Amino acid sequence: MNNDPIVAEVRKYGEQLAEQAHGNVHEFFQNLRLAQRKYSDRPVSAPPPRPGIREAVGKNTSHGEPSLSCELSEA
């Protein structure tokens, strides 16, 4: 399995949050809701999709399943 630094960081903070909640799932999500309210003035938005990505993902294979082709149009 590949070691993805972003996944590792997310897991690290998830473990810290679980420790703060003493392993209680209800307290864990209550803490997340409180943080959402606390930082509600900081919305996060995704960047616009790269040109051609929708066309690449939307292509079908011969089996009728979506293809995750990497064919992107030049920007």
N, C-alpha and C. Protein backbone atom coordinates (compact mmCIF):
# COMPACT_ATOMS: atom_id res chain seq x y z
N MET A 1 0.85 -1.18 0.00
CA MET A 1 0.00 0.00 0.00
C MET A 1 0.89 1.24 0.00
N ASN A 2 0.50 2.24 -0.77
CA ASN A 2 1.28 3.47 -0.85
C ASN A 2 1.09 4.29 0.41
N ASN A 3 2.15 4.95 0.83
CA ASN A 3 2.08 5.85 1.97
C ASN A 3 1.78 7.24 1.47
N ASP A 4 0.55 7.67 1.62
CA ASP A 4 0.11 8.98 1.18
C ASP A 4 0.20 9.93 2.38
N PRO A 5 0.99 10.99 2.30
CA PRO A 5 1.16 11.88 3.45
C PRO A 5 -0.15 12.58 3.85
N ILE A 6 -1.02 12.84 2.90
CA ILE A 6 -2.28 13.49 3.24
C ILE A 6 -3.17 12.54 4.03
N VAL A 7 -3.25 11.28 3.60
CA VAL A 7 -4.04 10.28 4.32
C VAL A 7 -3.47 10.10 5.72
N ALA A 8 -2.15 10.05 5.83
CA ALA A 8 -1.50 9.88 7.14
C ALA A 8 -1.85 11.05 8.06
N GLU A 9 -1.85 12.26 7.52
CA GLU A 9 -2.17 13.43 8.33
C GLU A 9 -3.63 13.40 8.79
N VAL A 10 -4.54 13.06 7.88
CA VAL A 10 -5.96 12.99 8.24
C VAL A 10 -6.17 11.94 9.33
N ARG A 11 -5.53 10.80 9.19
CA ARG A 11 -5.67 9.74 10.21
C ARG A 11 -5.11 10.19 11.55
N LYS A 12 -3.98 10.90 11.51
CA LYS A 12 -3.36 11.38 12.75
C LYS A 12 -4.33 12.31 13.49
N TYR A 13 -4.92 13.26 12.77
CA TYR A 13 -5.85 14.18 13.41
C TYR A 13 -7.14 13.48 13.83
N GLY A 14 -7.56 12.49 13.07
CA GLY A 14 -8.74 11.71 13.47
C GLY A 14 -8.49 10.98 14.78
N GLU A 15 -7.29 10.43 14.93
CA GLU A 15 -6.94 9.75 16.18
C GLU A 15 -6.90 10.74 17.35
N GLN A 16 -6.37 11.94 17.10
CA GLN A 16 -6.35 12.96 18.15
C GLN A 16 -7.77 13.36 18.57
N LEU A 17 -8.65 13.51 17.58
CA LEU A 17 -10.04 13.85 17.89
C LEU A 17 -10.73 12.73 18.66
N ALA A 18 -10.42 11.49 18.30
CA ALA A 18 -11.00 10.35 19.03
C ALA A 18 -10.52 10.32 20.47
N GLU A 19 -9.24 10.64 20.68
CA GLU A 19 -8.72 10.69 22.04
C GLU A 19 -9.40 11.79 22.84
N GLN A 20 -9.61 12.95 22.23
CA GLN A 20 -10.29 14.06 22.92
C GLN A 20 -11.71 13.67 23.31
N ALA A 21 -12.34 12.81 22.52
CA ALA A 21 -13.71 12.37 22.78
C ALA A 21 -13.73 11.12 23.65
N HIS A 22 -12.57 10.67 24.10
CA HIS A 22 -12.45 9.49 24.97
C HIS A 22 -13.06 8.25 24.31
N GLY A 23 -12.95 8.18 22.98
CA GLY A 23 -13.46 7.03 22.25
C GLY A 23 -14.97 6.99 22.11
N ASN A 24 -15.66 8.03 22.55
CA ASN A 24 -17.13 8.09 22.49
C ASN A 24 -17.53 8.70 21.15
N VAL A 25 -18.18 7.91 20.31
CA VAL A 25 -18.54 8.37 18.96
C VAL A 25 -19.50 9.55 19.00
N HIS A 26 -20.40 9.59 19.98
CA HIS A 26 -21.35 10.70 20.07
C HIS A 26 -20.62 12.00 20.42
N GLU A 27 -19.68 11.91 21.35
CA GLU A 27 -18.89 13.08 21.73
C GLU A 27 -17.98 13.52 20.56
N PHE A 28 -17.45 12.54 19.83
CA PHE A 28 -16.60 12.82 18.67
C PHE A 28 -17.34 13.71 17.67
N PHE A 29 -18.57 13.29 17.30
CA PHE A 29 -19.32 14.06 16.30
C PHE A 29 -19.87 15.36 16.88
N GLN A 30 -20.16 15.38 18.16
CA GLN A 30 -20.58 16.64 18.80
C GLN A 30 -19.44 17.65 18.72
N ASN A 31 -18.21 17.19 18.97
CA ASN A 31 -17.05 18.07 18.86
C ASN A 31 -16.86 18.58 17.43
N LEU A 32 -17.11 17.72 16.44
CA LEU A 32 -17.01 18.16 15.05
C LEU A 32 -18.07 19.22 14.73
N ARG A 33 -19.29 19.02 15.23
CA ARG A 33 -20.35 20.01 14.99
C ARG A 33 -20.01 21.35 15.64
N LEU A 34 -19.44 21.30 16.86
CA LEU A 34 -19.03 22.53 17.53
C LEU A 34 -17.94 23.26 16.73
N ALA A 35 -17.01 22.51 16.19
CA ALA A 35 -15.95 23.10 15.38
C ALA A 35 -16.52 23.71 14.10
N GLN A 36 -17.51 23.05 13.50
CA GLN A 36 -18.15 23.60 12.30
C GLN A 36 -18.77 24.95 12.61
N ARG A 37 -19.46 25.04 13.75
CA ARG A 37 -20.08 26.31 14.12
C ARG A 37 -19.02 27.37 14.42
N LYS A 38 -17.96 26.95 15.11
CA LYS A 38 -16.91 27.88 15.49
C LYS A 38 -16.22 28.49 14.27
N TYR A 39 -16.03 27.68 13.23
CA TYR A 39 -15.31 28.14 12.04
C TYR A 39 -16.23 28.31 10.83
N SER A 40 -17.50 28.59 11.07
CA SER A 40 -18.46 28.71 9.97
C SER A 40 -18.17 29.90 9.07
N ASP A 41 -17.35 30.83 9.54
CA ASP A 41 -17.00 31.99 8.72
C ASP A 41 -15.85 31.68 7.75
N ARG A 42 -15.38 30.44 7.73
CA ARG A 42 -14.27 30.03 6.86
C ARG A 42 -14.72 28.94 5.89
N PRO A 43 -15.57 29.28 4.94
CA PRO A 43 -16.03 28.24 4.01
C PRO A 43 -14.88 27.73 3.14
N VAL A 44 -14.94 26.49 2.80
CA VAL A 44 -13.94 25.86 1.95
C VAL A 44 -14.64 25.45 0.67
N SER A 45 -14.02 25.77 -0.45
CA SER A 45 -14.61 25.37 -1.72
C SER A 45 -13.55 24.67 -2.56
N ALA A 46 -14.01 23.78 -3.38
CA ALA A 46 -13.10 23.05 -4.26
C ALA A 46 -12.77 23.91 -5.47
N PRO A 47 -11.57 23.75 -6.01
CA PRO A 47 -11.24 24.49 -7.22
C PRO A 47 -12.08 23.98 -8.38
N PRO A 48 -12.26 24.79 -9.42
CA PRO A 48 -13.04 24.32 -10.57
C PRO A 48 -12.34 23.12 -11.21
N PRO A 49 -13.11 22.21 -11.81
CA PRO A 49 -12.50 21.04 -12.45
C PRO A 49 -11.61 21.45 -13.61
N ARG A 50 -10.58 20.66 -13.81
CA ARG A 50 -9.67 20.93 -14.94
C ARG A 50 -10.42 20.69 -16.25
N PRO A 51 -10.07 21.43 -17.28
CA PRO A 51 -10.72 21.23 -18.58
C PRO A 51 -10.53 19.79 -19.05
N GLY A 52 -11.59 19.20 -19.53
CA GLY A 52 -11.52 17.85 -20.09
C GLY A 52 -11.74 16.73 -19.10
N ILE A 53 -11.77 17.01 -17.81
CA ILE A 53 -11.89 15.93 -16.82
C ILE A 53 -13.26 15.27 -16.88
N ARG A 54 -14.30 16.04 -17.09
CA ARG A 54 -15.64 15.45 -17.16
C ARG A 54 -15.77 14.50 -18.35
N GLU A 55 -15.20 14.91 -19.48
CA GLU A 55 -15.26 14.06 -20.65
C GLU A 55 -14.51 12.75 -20.42
N ALA A 56 -13.37 12.81 -19.75
CA ALA A 56 -12.56 11.62 -19.51
C ALA A 56 -13.27 10.66 -18.57
N VAL A 57 -13.91 11.17 -17.55
CA VAL A 57 -14.60 10.31 -16.58
C VAL A 57 -15.90 9.79 -17.16
N GLY A 58 -16.56 10.54 -18.02
CA GLY A 58 -17.85 10.15 -18.54
C GLY A 58 -17.82 9.12 -19.65
N LYS A 59 -16.65 8.80 -20.19
CA LYS A 59 -16.58 7.81 -21.28
C LYS A 59 -17.00 6.45 -20.78
N ASN A 60 -17.62 5.67 -21.65
CA ASN A 60 -18.05 4.32 -21.29
C ASN A 60 -17.12 3.29 -21.90
N THR A 61 -17.00 2.18 -21.20
CA THR A 61 -16.23 1.06 -21.73
C THR A 61 -17.18 0.15 -22.49
N SER A 62 -16.67 -0.90 -23.08
CA SER A 62 -17.52 -1.83 -23.82
C SER A 62 -18.46 -2.59 -22.89
N HIS A 63 -18.19 -2.56 -21.59
CA HIS A 63 -19.04 -3.26 -20.61
C HIS A 63 -20.14 -2.37 -20.07
N GLY A 64 -20.21 -1.15 -20.54
CA GLY A 64 -21.25 -0.24 -20.07
C GLY A 64 -20.91 0.41 -18.74
N GLU A 65 -19.68 0.24 -18.26
CA GLU A 65 -19.27 0.84 -17.00
C GLU A 65 -18.47 2.10 -17.28
N PRO A 66 -18.53 3.09 -16.37
CA PRO A 66 -17.74 4.30 -16.58
C PRO A 66 -16.25 3.97 -16.60
N SER A 67 -15.54 4.68 -17.42
CA SER A 67 -14.09 4.52 -17.53
C SER A 67 -13.41 5.68 -16.84
N LEU A 68 -12.33 5.42 -16.15
CA LEU A 68 -11.57 6.49 -15.53
C LEU A 68 -10.33 6.78 -16.37
N SER A 69 -10.57 7.00 -17.62
CA SER A 69 -9.51 7.28 -18.58
C SER A 69 -8.78 8.56 -18.20
N CYS A 70 -7.50 8.60 -18.50
CA CYS A 70 -6.70 9.77 -18.21
C CYS A 70 -6.53 10.68 -19.42
N GLU A 71 -7.36 10.52 -20.41
CA GLU A 71 -7.29 11.36 -21.60
C GLU A 71 -7.87 12.71 -21.29
N LEU A 72 -7.02 13.72 -21.20
CA LEU A 72 -7.47 15.06 -20.91
C LEU A 72 -7.20 15.95 -22.11
N SER A 73 -8.10 16.88 -22.33
CA SER A 73 -7.87 17.82 -23.42
C SER A 73 -6.83 18.84 -22.97
N GLU A 74 -6.10 19.36 -23.91
CA GLU A 74 -5.09 20.37 -23.60
C GLU A 74 -5.76 21.68 -23.25
N ALA A 75 -5.25 22.32 -22.22
CA ALA A 75 -5.83 23.59 -21.77
C ALA A 75 -5.19 24.76 -22.49
